[in-house]
All heavy atoms as atom14 arrays in JSON, in Angstrom:
{
  "sequence": "AMLDAGLLDELRGLRAQGYTAALPALRSIGYRELGAFLDGACDLETA",
  "atom14_mask": [
    [1, 1, 1, 1, 1, 0, 0, 0, 0, 0, 0, 0, 0, 0],
    [1, 1, 1, 1, 1, 1, 1, 1, 0, 0, 0, 0, 0, 0],
    [1, 1, 1, 1, 1, 1, 1, 1, 0, 0, 0, 0, 0, 0],
    [1, 1, 1, 1, 1, 1, 1, 1, 0, 0, 0, 0, 0, 0],
    [1, 1, 1, 1, 1, 0, 0, 0, 0, 0, 0, 0, 0, 0],
    [1, 1, 1, 1, 0, 0, 0, 0, 0, 0, 0, 0, 0, 0],
    [1, 1, 1, 1, 1, 1, 1, 1, 0, 0, 0, 0, 0, 0],
    [1, 1, 1, 1, 1, 1, 1, 1, 0, 0, 0, 0, 0, 0],
    [1, 1, 1, 1, 1, 1, 1, 1, 0, 0, 0, 0, 0, 0],
    [1, 1, 1, 1, 1, 1, 1, 1, 1, 0, 0, 0, 0, 0],
    [1, 1, 1, 1, 1, 1, 1, 1, 0, 0, 0, 0, 0, 0],
    [1, 1, 1, 1, 1, 1, 1, 1, 1, 1, 1, 0, 0, 0],
    [1, 1, 1, 1, 0, 0, 0, 0, 0, 0, 0, 0, 0, 0],
    [1, 1, 1, 1, 1, 1, 1, 1, 0, 0, 0, 0, 0, 0],
    [1, 1, 1, 1, 1, 1, 1, 1, 1, 1, 1, 0, 0, 0],
    [1, 1, 1, 1, 1, 0, 0, 0, 0, 0, 0, 0, 0, 0],
    [1, 1, 1, 1, 1, 1, 1, 1, 1, 0, 0, 0, 0, 0],
    [1, 1, 1, 1, 0, 0, 0, 0, 0, 0, 0, 0, 0, 0],
    [1, 1, 1, 1, 1, 1, 1, 1, 1, 1, 1, 1, 0, 0],
    [1, 1, 1, 1, 1, 1, 1, 0, 0, 0, 0, 0, 0, 0],
    [1, 1, 1, 1, 1, 0, 0, 0, 0, 0, 0, 0, 0, 0],
    [1, 1, 1, 1, 1, 0, 0, 0, 0, 0, 0, 0, 0, 0],
    [1, 1, 1, 1, 1, 1, 1, 1, 0, 0, 0, 0, 0, 0],
    [1, 1, 1, 1, 1, 1, 1, 0, 0, 0, 0, 0, 0, 0],
    [1, 1, 1, 1, 1, 0, 0, 0, 0, 0, 0, 0, 0, 0],
    [1, 1, 1, 1, 1, 1, 1, 1, 0, 0, 0, 0, 0, 0],
    [1, 1, 1, 1, 1, 1, 1, 1, 1, 1, 1, 0, 0, 0],
    [1, 1, 1, 1, 1, 1, 0, 0, 0, 0, 0, 0, 0, 0],
    [1, 1, 1, 1, 1, 1, 1, 1, 0, 0, 0, 0, 0, 0],
    [1, 1, 1, 1, 0, 0, 0, 0, 0, 0, 0, 0, 0, 0],
    [1, 1, 1, 1, 1, 1, 1, 1, 1, 1, 1, 1, 0, 0],
    [1, 1, 1, 1, 1, 1, 1, 1, 1, 1, 1, 0, 0, 0],
    [1, 1, 1, 1, 1, 1, 1, 1, 1, 0, 0, 0, 0, 0],
    [1, 1, 1, 1, 1, 1, 1, 1, 0, 0, 0, 0, 0, 0],
    [1, 1, 1, 1, 0, 0, 0, 0, 0, 0, 0, 0, 0, 0],
    [1, 1, 1, 1, 1, 0, 0, 0, 0, 0, 0, 0, 0, 0],
    [1, 1, 1, 1, 1, 1, 1, 1, 1, 1, 1, 0, 0, 0],
    [1, 1, 1, 1, 1, 1, 1, 1, 0, 0, 0, 0, 0, 0],
    [1, 1, 1, 1, 1, 1, 1, 1, 0, 0, 0, 0, 0, 0],
    [1, 1, 1, 1, 0, 0, 0, 0, 0, 0, 0, 0, 0, 0],
    [1, 1, 1, 1, 1, 0, 0, 0, 0, 0, 0, 0, 0, 0],
    [1, 1, 1, 1, 1, 1, 0, 0, 0, 0, 0, 0, 0, 0],
    [1, 1, 1, 1, 1, 1, 1, 1, 0, 0, 0, 0, 0, 0],
    [1, 1, 1, 1, 1, 1, 1, 1, 0, 0, 0, 0, 0, 0],
    [1, 1, 1, 1, 1, 1, 1, 1, 1, 0, 0, 0, 0, 0],
    [1, 1, 1, 1, 1, 1, 1, 0, 0, 0, 0, 0, 0, 0],
    [1, 1, 1, 1, 1, 0, 0, 0, 0, 0, 0, 0, 0, 0]
  ],
  "atom14_positions": [
    [[-27.98, 30.14, 164.05], [-26.53, 29.99, 163.87], [-26.2, 28.61, 163.31], [-25.29, 28.48, 162.46], [-25.81, 30.22, 165.19], [0.0, 0.0, 0.0], [0.0, 0.0, 0.0], [0.0, 0.0, 0.0], [0.0, 0.0, 0.0], [0.0, 0.0, 0.0], [0.0, 0.0, 0.0], [0.0, 0.0, 0.0], [0.0, 0.0, 0.0], [0.0, 0.0, 0.0]],
    [[-26.91, 27.58, 163.74], [-26.68, 26.23, 163.22], [-27.0, 26.18, 161.73], [-26.27, 25.57, 160.95], [-27.51, 25.21, 163.99], [-27.03, 24.99, 165.42], [-28.16, 23.99, 166.42], [-28.03, 22.41, 165.62], [0.0, 0.0, 0.0], [0.0, 0.0, 0.0], [0.0, 0.0, 0.0], [0.0, 0.0, 0.0], [0.0, 0.0, 0.0], [0.0, 0.0, 0.0]],
    [[-28.08, 26.84, 161.36], [-28.46, 26.89, 159.95], [-27.4, 27.66, 159.16], [-26.94, 27.2, 158.1], [-29.83, 27.55, 159.8], [-30.49, 27.45, 158.43], [-30.74, 26.01, 158.04], [-31.8, 28.23, 158.44], [0.0, 0.0, 0.0], [0.0, 0.0, 0.0], [0.0, 0.0, 0.0], [0.0, 0.0, 0.0], [0.0, 0.0, 0.0], [0.0, 0.0, 0.0]],
    [[-26.96, 28.8, 159.69], [-25.93, 29.61, 159.04], [-24.6, 28.86, 158.93], [-23.84, 29.08, 157.99], [-25.71, 30.93, 159.78], [-26.89, 31.88, 159.68], [-27.75, 31.68, 158.79], [-26.96, 32.81, 160.51], [0.0, 0.0, 0.0], [0.0, 0.0, 0.0], [0.0, 0.0, 0.0], [0.0, 0.0, 0.0], [0.0, 0.0, 0.0], [0.0, 0.0, 0.0]],
    [[-24.32, 27.99, 159.88], [-23.06, 27.26, 159.9], [-23.06, 26.04, 158.97], [-22.06, 25.34, 158.87], [-22.73, 26.83, 161.32], [0.0, 0.0, 0.0], [0.0, 0.0, 0.0], [0.0, 0.0, 0.0], [0.0, 0.0, 0.0], [0.0, 0.0, 0.0], [0.0, 0.0, 0.0], [0.0, 0.0, 0.0], [0.0, 0.0, 0.0], [0.0, 0.0, 0.0]],
    [[-24.2, 25.77, 158.32], [-24.21, 24.71, 157.32], [-24.97, 23.46, 157.67], [-24.77, 22.41, 157.04], [0.0, 0.0, 0.0], [0.0, 0.0, 0.0], [0.0, 0.0, 0.0], [0.0, 0.0, 0.0], [0.0, 0.0, 0.0], [0.0, 0.0, 0.0], [0.0, 0.0, 0.0], [0.0, 0.0, 0.0], [0.0, 0.0, 0.0], [0.0, 0.0, 0.0]],
    [[-25.89, 23.52, 158.64], [-26.64, 22.32, 159.01], [-27.44, 21.76, 157.83], [-27.49, 20.54, 157.64], [-27.57, 22.62, 160.2], [-28.35, 21.42, 160.74], [-27.42, 20.32, 161.22], [-29.28, 21.86, 161.87], [0.0, 0.0, 0.0], [0.0, 0.0, 0.0], [0.0, 0.0, 0.0], [0.0, 0.0, 0.0], [0.0, 0.0, 0.0], [0.0, 0.0, 0.0]],
    [[-28.02, 22.62, 157.04], [-28.8, 22.16, 155.89], [-27.9, 21.44, 154.88], [-28.26, 20.37, 154.36], [-29.54, 23.34, 155.24], [-30.55, 22.99, 154.16], [-31.61, 22.02, 154.65], [-31.2, 24.26, 153.64], [0.0, 0.0, 0.0], [0.0, 0.0, 0.0], [0.0, 0.0, 0.0], [0.0, 0.0, 0.0], [0.0, 0.0, 0.0], [0.0, 0.0, 0.0]],
    [[-26.74, 22.01, 154.59], [-25.8, 21.35, 153.67], [-25.31, 20.02, 154.24], [-25.12, 19.05, 153.51], [-24.61, 22.27, 153.38], [-25.0, 23.45, 152.5], [-25.98, 23.33, 151.73], [-24.33, 24.5, 152.6], [0.0, 0.0, 0.0], [0.0, 0.0, 0.0], [0.0, 0.0, 0.0], [0.0, 0.0, 0.0], [0.0, 0.0, 0.0], [0.0, 0.0, 0.0]],
    [[-25.09, 19.98, 155.55], [-24.69, 18.73, 156.2], [-25.75, 17.66, 156.0], [-25.44, 16.51, 155.65], [-24.47, 18.98, 157.69], [-24.09, 17.74, 158.48], [-23.92, 18.03, 159.96], [-23.4, 19.1, 160.31], [-24.33, 17.17, 160.76], [0.0, 0.0, 0.0], [0.0, 0.0, 0.0], [0.0, 0.0, 0.0], [0.0, 0.0, 0.0], [0.0, 0.0, 0.0]],
    [[-27.02, 18.04, 156.19], [-28.11, 17.08, 156.01], [-28.21, 16.65, 154.55], [-28.4, 15.46, 154.27], [-29.43, 17.69, 156.49], [-30.66, 16.8, 156.38], [-30.45, 15.46, 157.09], [-31.88, 17.52, 156.93], [0.0, 0.0, 0.0], [0.0, 0.0, 0.0], [0.0, 0.0, 0.0], [0.0, 0.0, 0.0], [0.0, 0.0, 0.0], [0.0, 0.0, 0.0]],
    [[-28.06, 17.57, 153.63], [-28.06, 17.2, 152.2], [-26.96, 16.19, 151.91], [-27.17, 15.22, 151.19], [-27.87, 18.44, 151.34], [-29.09, 19.29, 151.17], [-28.83, 20.41, 150.14], [-30.0, 21.22, 149.98], [-30.07, 22.52, 150.29], [-29.0, 23.15, 150.77], [-31.18, 23.19, 150.12], [0.0, 0.0, 0.0], [0.0, 0.0, 0.0], [0.0, 0.0, 0.0]],
    [[-25.77, 16.43, 152.47], [-24.65, 15.51, 152.28], [-24.93, 14.14, 152.84], [-24.59, 13.12, 152.22], [0.0, 0.0, 0.0], [0.0, 0.0, 0.0], [0.0, 0.0, 0.0], [0.0, 0.0, 0.0], [0.0, 0.0, 0.0], [0.0, 0.0, 0.0], [0.0, 0.0, 0.0], [0.0, 0.0, 0.0], [0.0, 0.0, 0.0], [0.0, 0.0, 0.0]],
    [[-25.52, 14.07, 154.03], [-25.85, 12.78, 154.63], [-26.87, 12.04, 153.77], [-26.74, 10.83, 153.57], [-26.39, 12.99, 156.05], [-25.36, 13.44, 157.07], [-26.03, 13.89, 158.36], [-24.36, 12.31, 157.35], [0.0, 0.0, 0.0], [0.0, 0.0, 0.0], [0.0, 0.0, 0.0], [0.0, 0.0, 0.0], [0.0, 0.0, 0.0], [0.0, 0.0, 0.0]],
    [[-27.84, 12.77, 153.28], [-28.84, 12.12, 152.41], [-28.22, 11.64, 151.11], [-28.57, 10.57, 150.61], [-29.99, 13.09, 152.14], [-30.89, 13.22, 153.35], [-32.1, 14.03, 153.02], [-33.11, 13.88, 154.04], [-34.37, 14.23, 153.85], [-34.75, 14.75, 152.71], [-35.23, 14.09, 154.83], [0.0, 0.0, 0.0], [0.0, 0.0, 0.0], [0.0, 0.0, 0.0]],
    [[-27.28, 12.41, 150.59], [-26.6, 12.01, 149.36], [-25.8, 10.72, 149.57], [-25.6, 9.95, 148.62], [-25.68, 13.13, 148.87], [0.0, 0.0, 0.0], [0.0, 0.0, 0.0], [0.0, 0.0, 0.0], [0.0, 0.0, 0.0], [0.0, 0.0, 0.0], [0.0, 0.0, 0.0], [0.0, 0.0, 0.0], [0.0, 0.0, 0.0], [0.0, 0.0, 0.0]],
    [[-25.37, 10.48, 150.81], [-24.64, 9.25, 151.13], [-25.58, 8.08, 151.41], [-25.13, 6.98, 151.71], [-23.74, 9.48, 152.34], [-22.6, 10.45, 152.08], [-21.81, 10.71, 153.35], [-21.48, 9.79, 154.09], [-21.49, 11.97, 153.6], [0.0, 0.0, 0.0], [0.0, 0.0, 0.0], [0.0, 0.0, 0.0], [0.0, 0.0, 0.0], [0.0, 0.0, 0.0]],
    [[-26.89, 8.33, 151.35], [-27.86, 7.27, 151.52], [-28.5, 7.19, 152.9], [-29.31, 6.3, 153.15], [0.0, 0.0, 0.0], [0.0, 0.0, 0.0], [0.0, 0.0, 0.0], [0.0, 0.0, 0.0], [0.0, 0.0, 0.0], [0.0, 0.0, 0.0], [0.0, 0.0, 0.0], [0.0, 0.0, 0.0], [0.0, 0.0, 0.0], [0.0, 0.0, 0.0]],
    [[-28.15, 8.1, 153.78], [-28.77, 8.1, 155.11], [-30.18, 8.69, 155.0], [-30.38, 9.68, 154.32], [-27.93, 8.9, 156.1], [-26.57, 8.29, 156.34], [-25.44, 8.85, 155.78], [-26.44, 7.14, 157.11], [-24.19, 8.28, 155.98], [-25.2, 6.57, 157.31], [-24.08, 7.15, 156.74], [-22.85, 6.59, 156.95], [0.0, 0.0, 0.0], [0.0, 0.0, 0.0]],
    [[-31.13, 8.06, 155.69], [-32.52, 8.5, 155.59], [-33.05, 8.91, 156.96], [-32.41, 8.68, 157.99], [-33.42, 7.37, 155.06], [-33.5, 6.35, 156.06], [-32.87, 6.79, 153.76], [0.0, 0.0, 0.0], [0.0, 0.0, 0.0], [0.0, 0.0, 0.0], [0.0, 0.0, 0.0], [0.0, 0.0, 0.0], [0.0, 0.0, 0.0], [0.0, 0.0, 0.0]],
    [[-34.24, 9.47, 156.96], [-34.89, 9.89, 158.19], [-35.22, 8.71, 159.1], [-35.54, 8.89, 160.27], [-36.16, 10.68, 157.88], [0.0, 0.0, 0.0], [0.0, 0.0, 0.0], [0.0, 0.0, 0.0], [0.0, 0.0, 0.0], [0.0, 0.0, 0.0], [0.0, 0.0, 0.0], [0.0, 0.0, 0.0], [0.0, 0.0, 0.0], [0.0, 0.0, 0.0]],
    [[-35.12, 7.5, 158.59], [-35.37, 6.31, 159.41], [-34.26, 6.11, 160.43], [-34.46, 5.46, 161.45], [-35.49, 5.07, 158.53], [0.0, 0.0, 0.0], [0.0, 0.0, 0.0], [0.0, 0.0, 0.0], [0.0, 0.0, 0.0], [0.0, 0.0, 0.0], [0.0, 0.0, 0.0], [0.0, 0.0, 0.0], [0.0, 0.0, 0.0], [0.0, 0.0, 0.0]],
    [[-33.1, 6.69, 160.19], [-31.98, 6.6, 161.11], [-32.28, 7.46, 162.35], [-32.59, 8.64, 162.22], [-30.71, 7.1, 160.42], [-29.38, 6.93, 161.13], [-29.06, 5.44, 161.28], [-28.29, 7.62, 160.33], [0.0, 0.0, 0.0], [0.0, 0.0, 0.0], [0.0, 0.0, 0.0], [0.0, 0.0, 0.0], [0.0, 0.0, 0.0], [0.0, 0.0, 0.0]],
    [[-32.22, 6.89, 163.56], [-32.59, 7.67, 164.75], [-31.87, 9.02, 164.86], [-32.48, 10.01, 165.24], [-32.21, 6.74, 165.91], [-32.38, 5.37, 165.34], [-31.91, 5.49, 163.91], [0.0, 0.0, 0.0], [0.0, 0.0, 0.0], [0.0, 0.0, 0.0], [0.0, 0.0, 0.0], [0.0, 0.0, 0.0], [0.0, 0.0, 0.0], [0.0, 0.0, 0.0]],
    [[-30.61, 9.07, 164.51], [-29.86, 10.33, 164.61], [-30.45, 11.4, 163.69], [-30.41, 12.59, 164.01], [-28.4, 10.12, 164.27], [0.0, 0.0, 0.0], [0.0, 0.0, 0.0], [0.0, 0.0, 0.0], [0.0, 0.0, 0.0], [0.0, 0.0, 0.0], [0.0, 0.0, 0.0], [0.0, 0.0, 0.0], [0.0, 0.0, 0.0], [0.0, 0.0, 0.0]],
    [[-31.02, 11.01, 162.59], [-31.59, 11.98, 161.65], [-33.03, 12.34, 162.0], [-33.67, 13.1, 161.28], [-31.48, 11.48, 160.21], [-30.04, 11.38, 159.7], [-30.02, 11.02, 158.22], [-29.26, 12.66, 159.94], [0.0, 0.0, 0.0], [0.0, 0.0, 0.0], [0.0, 0.0, 0.0], [0.0, 0.0, 0.0], [0.0, 0.0, 0.0], [0.0, 0.0, 0.0]],
    [[-33.52, 11.81, 163.12], [-34.82, 12.24, 163.64], [-34.65, 13.21, 164.79], [-35.61, 13.61, 165.43], [-35.63, 11.02, 164.09], [-36.09, 10.15, 162.92], [-37.07, 9.12, 163.37], [-36.51, 8.26, 164.41], [-36.39, 6.95, 164.32], [-36.81, 6.32, 163.26], [-35.86, 6.26, 165.31], [0.0, 0.0, 0.0], [0.0, 0.0, 0.0], [0.0, 0.0, 0.0]],
    [[-33.4, 13.59, 165.06], [-33.14, 14.52, 166.15], [-33.48, 15.95, 165.74], [-33.68, 16.24, 164.56], [-31.68, 14.41, 166.6], [-30.82, 14.74, 165.54], [0.0, 0.0, 0.0], [0.0, 0.0, 0.0], [0.0, 0.0, 0.0], [0.0, 0.0, 0.0], [0.0, 0.0, 0.0], [0.0, 0.0, 0.0], [0.0, 0.0, 0.0], [0.0, 0.0, 0.0]],
    [[-33.53, 16.82, 166.73], [-33.9, 18.21, 166.49], [-32.94, 18.84, 165.48], [-31.74, 18.72, 165.59], [-33.9, 19.02, 167.8], [-34.96, 18.46, 168.74], [-34.14, 20.51, 167.54], [-34.95, 19.08, 170.13], [0.0, 0.0, 0.0], [0.0, 0.0, 0.0], [0.0, 0.0, 0.0], [0.0, 0.0, 0.0], [0.0, 0.0, 0.0], [0.0, 0.0, 0.0]],
    [[-33.5, 19.51, 164.54], [-32.74, 20.16, 163.48], [-32.78, 19.32, 162.23], [-33.29, 19.76, 161.2], [0.0, 0.0, 0.0], [0.0, 0.0, 0.0], [0.0, 0.0, 0.0], [0.0, 0.0, 0.0], [0.0, 0.0, 0.0], [0.0, 0.0, 0.0], [0.0, 0.0, 0.0], [0.0, 0.0, 0.0], [0.0, 0.0, 0.0], [0.0, 0.0, 0.0]],
    [[-32.28, 18.11, 162.3], [-32.33, 17.22, 161.15], [-33.78, 16.92, 160.77], [-34.13, 16.91, 159.59], [-31.62, 15.9, 161.44], [-30.12, 15.97, 161.49], [-29.41, 15.35, 162.5], [-29.39, 16.63, 160.5], [-28.02, 15.38, 162.54], [-28.01, 16.67, 160.54], [-27.33, 16.04, 161.56], [-25.97, 16.08, 161.59], [0.0, 0.0, 0.0], [0.0, 0.0, 0.0]],
    [[-34.61, 16.65, 161.77], [-36.01, 16.29, 161.5], [-36.73, 17.44, 160.78], [-37.37, 17.25, 159.75], [-36.72, 15.94, 162.81], [-38.19, 15.61, 162.66], [-38.86, 15.28, 163.99], [-38.6, 16.29, 165.0], [-38.06, 16.03, 166.2], [-37.71, 14.82, 166.54], [-37.87, 17.01, 167.06], [0.0, 0.0, 0.0], [0.0, 0.0, 0.0], [0.0, 0.0, 0.0]],
    [[-36.6, 18.65, 161.32], [-37.33, 19.79, 160.76], [-36.78, 20.2, 159.4], [-37.55, 20.48, 158.48], [-37.26, 20.97, 161.74], [-37.99, 20.71, 163.05], [-37.23, 19.85, 164.04], [-36.01, 19.63, 163.85], [-37.86, 19.4, 165.02], [0.0, 0.0, 0.0], [0.0, 0.0, 0.0], [0.0, 0.0, 0.0], [0.0, 0.0, 0.0], [0.0, 0.0, 0.0]],
    [[-35.46, 20.21, 159.25], [-34.88, 20.56, 157.96], [-35.12, 19.46, 156.93], [-35.23, 19.72, 155.74], [-33.39, 20.87, 158.1], [-33.07, 22.12, 158.92], [-31.58, 22.32, 159.04], [-33.74, 23.35, 158.35], [0.0, 0.0, 0.0], [0.0, 0.0, 0.0], [0.0, 0.0, 0.0], [0.0, 0.0, 0.0], [0.0, 0.0, 0.0], [0.0, 0.0, 0.0]],
    [[-35.25, 18.22, 157.41], [-35.6, 17.12, 156.51], [-36.98, 17.33, 155.91], [-37.21, 17.03, 154.73], [0.0, 0.0, 0.0], [0.0, 0.0, 0.0], [0.0, 0.0, 0.0], [0.0, 0.0, 0.0], [0.0, 0.0, 0.0], [0.0, 0.0, 0.0], [0.0, 0.0, 0.0], [0.0, 0.0, 0.0], [0.0, 0.0, 0.0], [0.0, 0.0, 0.0]],
    [[-37.91, 17.87, 156.71], [-39.25, 18.17, 156.18], [-39.15, 19.2, 155.07], [-39.85, 19.1, 154.05], [-40.16, 18.66, 157.3], [0.0, 0.0, 0.0], [0.0, 0.0, 0.0], [0.0, 0.0, 0.0], [0.0, 0.0, 0.0], [0.0, 0.0, 0.0], [0.0, 0.0, 0.0], [0.0, 0.0, 0.0], [0.0, 0.0, 0.0], [0.0, 0.0, 0.0]],
    [[-38.26, 20.18, 155.23], [-38.04, 21.18, 154.17], [-37.48, 20.51, 152.92], [-37.97, 20.73, 151.81], [-37.09, 22.28, 154.66], [-36.52, 23.11, 153.56], [-37.31, 23.98, 152.83], [-35.17, 23.01, 153.22], [-36.78, 24.74, 151.78], [-34.63, 23.76, 152.19], [-35.43, 24.62, 151.47], [0.0, 0.0, 0.0], [0.0, 0.0, 0.0], [0.0, 0.0, 0.0]],
    [[-36.45, 19.67, 153.09], [-35.85, 19.0, 151.92], [-36.85, 18.08, 151.22], [-36.77, 17.9, 150.01], [-34.62, 18.2, 152.35], [-33.4, 19.01, 152.78], [-32.27, 18.1, 153.2], [-32.95, 19.96, 151.66], [0.0, 0.0, 0.0], [0.0, 0.0, 0.0], [0.0, 0.0, 0.0], [0.0, 0.0, 0.0], [0.0, 0.0, 0.0], [0.0, 0.0, 0.0]],
    [[-37.8, 17.54, 151.98], [-38.82, 16.67, 151.4], [-39.95, 17.44, 150.75], [-40.88, 16.85, 150.2], [-39.39, 15.73, 152.47], [-38.36, 14.74, 152.97], [-37.37, 14.48, 152.26], [-38.55, 14.22, 154.1], [0.0, 0.0, 0.0], [0.0, 0.0, 0.0], [0.0, 0.0, 0.0], [0.0, 0.0, 0.0], [0.0, 0.0, 0.0], [0.0, 0.0, 0.0]],
    [[-39.91, 18.78, 150.85], [-40.95, 19.6, 150.25], [-42.21, 19.73, 151.09], [-43.23, 20.22, 150.61], [0.0, 0.0, 0.0], [0.0, 0.0, 0.0], [0.0, 0.0, 0.0], [0.0, 0.0, 0.0], [0.0, 0.0, 0.0], [0.0, 0.0, 0.0], [0.0, 0.0, 0.0], [0.0, 0.0, 0.0], [0.0, 0.0, 0.0], [0.0, 0.0, 0.0]],
    [[-42.15, 19.33, 152.35], [-43.34, 19.39, 153.21], [-43.59, 20.8, 153.74], [-44.7, 21.1, 154.2], [-43.19, 18.42, 154.38], [0.0, 0.0, 0.0], [0.0, 0.0, 0.0], [0.0, 0.0, 0.0], [0.0, 0.0, 0.0], [0.0, 0.0, 0.0], [0.0, 0.0, 0.0], [0.0, 0.0, 0.0], [0.0, 0.0, 0.0], [0.0, 0.0, 0.0]],
    [[-42.56, 21.68, 153.69], [-42.72, 23.05, 154.19], [-41.62, 23.92, 153.6], [-40.69, 23.41, 152.98], [-42.66, 23.08, 155.72], [-41.08, 22.52, 156.41], [0.0, 0.0, 0.0], [0.0, 0.0, 0.0], [0.0, 0.0, 0.0], [0.0, 0.0, 0.0], [0.0, 0.0, 0.0], [0.0, 0.0, 0.0], [0.0, 0.0, 0.0], [0.0, 0.0, 0.0]],
    [[-41.76, 25.23, 153.81], [-40.69, 26.13, 153.36], [-39.63, 26.21, 154.45], [-39.8, 25.72, 155.56], [-41.24, 27.5, 152.97], [-41.93, 28.22, 154.13], [-41.56, 27.99, 155.29], [-42.83, 29.03, 153.85], [0.0, 0.0, 0.0], [0.0, 0.0, 0.0], [0.0, 0.0, 0.0], [0.0, 0.0, 0.0], [0.0, 0.0, 0.0], [0.0, 0.0, 0.0]],
    [[-38.5, 26.85, 154.13], [-37.38, 26.9, 155.05], [-37.73, 27.66, 156.33], [-37.35, 27.24, 157.43], [-36.15, 27.53, 154.38], [-34.87, 27.52, 155.2], [-34.49, 26.1, 155.63], [-33.72, 28.15, 154.41], [0.0, 0.0, 0.0], [0.0, 0.0, 0.0], [0.0, 0.0, 0.0], [0.0, 0.0, 0.0], [0.0, 0.0, 0.0], [0.0, 0.0, 0.0]],
    [[-38.48, 28.75, 156.22], [-38.84, 29.52, 157.42], [-39.72, 28.7, 158.36], [-39.55, 28.75, 159.58], [-39.54, 30.83, 157.03], [-39.75, 31.77, 158.19], [-38.47, 32.1, 158.98], [-37.41, 32.31, 158.37], [-38.54, 32.12, 160.23], [0.0, 0.0, 0.0], [0.0, 0.0, 0.0], [0.0, 0.0, 0.0], [0.0, 0.0, 0.0], [0.0, 0.0, 0.0]],
    [[-40.63, 27.91, 157.79], [-41.47, 27.05, 158.62], [-40.64, 25.97, 159.3], [-40.84, 25.67, 160.49], [-42.59, 26.41, 157.76], [-43.37, 27.46, 157.18], [-43.47, 25.48, 158.57], [0.0, 0.0, 0.0], [0.0, 0.0, 0.0], [0.0, 0.0, 0.0], [0.0, 0.0, 0.0], [0.0, 0.0, 0.0], [0.0, 0.0, 0.0], [0.0, 0.0, 0.0]],
    [[-39.67, 25.41, 158.57], [-38.78, 24.4, 159.15], [-37.96, 25.0, 160.29], [-37.81, 24.38, 161.35], [-37.87, 23.81, 158.08], [0.0, 0.0, 0.0], [0.0, 0.0, 0.0], [0.0, 0.0, 0.0], [0.0, 0.0, 0.0], [0.0, 0.0, 0.0], [0.0, 0.0, 0.0], [0.0, 0.0, 0.0], [0.0, 0.0, 0.0], [0.0, 0.0, 0.0]]
  ]
}
């Protein structure tokens, strides 16, 4: 449901504003795993 509600788009937007995975909040559950997808480390289903 979080993914369906736009968590991935939210993370894309944060990254577009210059926020990186080095920020503690972006290492939290959901952001961390979807960040791996955005970085090309895995596919969306794996994330």
